[in-house]
Protein backbone atom coordinates (compact mmCIF):
# COMPACT_ATOMS: atom_id res chain seq x y z
CA UNK A 1 18.59 13.85 -1.74
CA UNK A 2 18.04 11.81 1.58
CA UNK A 3 20.52 9.43 3.12
CA UNK A 4 20.35 5.87 3.72
CA UNK A 5 20.28 4.50 7.28
CA UNK A 6 22.32 1.72 5.97
CA UNK A 7 23.87 0.33 2.87
CA UNK A 8 22.86 -2.27 1.08
CA UNK A 9 24.65 -4.68 -1.77
CA UNK A 10 22.21 -6.51 -4.21
CA UNK A 11 22.13 -9.86 -6.28
CA UNK A 12 19.91 -10.55 -9.16
CA UNK A 13 20.11 -13.19 -11.87
CA UNK A 14 18.76 -12.95 -15.32
CA UNK A 15 17.43 -16.31 -16.67
CA UNK A 16 15.30 -16.50 -20.33
CA UNK A 17 13.10 -18.56 -18.52
CA UNK A 18 12.21 -15.88 -15.57
CA UNK A 19 8.30 -14.37 -16.34
CA UNK A 20 9.03 -10.88 -17.82
CA UNK A 21 6.86 -9.85 -15.02
CA UNK A 22 8.87 -11.16 -12.06
CA UNK A 23 12.31 -10.59 -11.51
CA UNK A 24 14.38 -11.61 -7.86
CA UNK A 25 16.58 -9.09 -6.46
CA UNK A 26 18.17 -9.72 -3.10
CA UNK A 27 19.40 -7.42 -0.75
CA UNK A 28 22.15 -8.27 1.55
CA UNK A 29 23.50 -5.47 4.69
CA UNK A 30 27.38 -3.80 3.27
CA UNK A 31 28.68 -5.32 7.03
CA UNK A 32 28.37 -8.99 5.54
CA UNK A 33 31.68 -10.39 4.78
CA UNK A 34 31.13 -13.39 2.98
CA UNK A 35 27.78 -12.40 1.17
CA UNK A 36 27.38 -16.24 -0.16
CA UNK A 37 27.14 -17.77 3.89
CA UNK A 38 24.41 -15.48 5.12
CA UNK A 39 20.75 -15.14 3.93
CA UNK A 40 19.64 -12.01 2.50
CA UNK A 41 17.85 -9.05 4.59
CA UNK A 42 15.13 -8.64 2.03
CA UNK A 43 13.99 -10.02 -1.33
CA UNK A 44 11.99 -8.80 -3.88
CA UNK A 45 10.18 -10.94 -6.60
CA UNK A 46 8.37 -7.74 -9.26
CA UNK A 47 8.89 -4.24 -9.63
CA UNK A 48 6.10 -3.52 -6.70
CA UNK A 49 7.59 -4.66 -4.05
CA UNK A 50 11.17 -3.37 -5.26
CA UNK A 51 9.28 0.14 -5.11
CA UNK A 52 7.43 -0.45 -1.43
CA UNK A 53 11.06 -1.74 -0.17
CA UNK A 54 12.43 1.62 -1.78
CA UNK A 55 9.74 3.29 0.28
CA UNK A 56 10.42 1.53 3.52
CA UNK A 57 13.60 2.52 3.24
CA UNK A 58 12.69 6.50 2.90
CA UNK A 59 10.84 6.65 6.20
């Protein structure tokens, strides 16, 4: 198992109106004191982007 260089918290919103092929996941740094006042470090919009982001973390 690989260790991550940075820890993240994430936020996702589930809605009946969203397309089944799209979901948004916002990643924030765990160093952030107030999540609502900062911009996400990364936003993924679908499963492929999410997998790409995880692969980038492994490098």
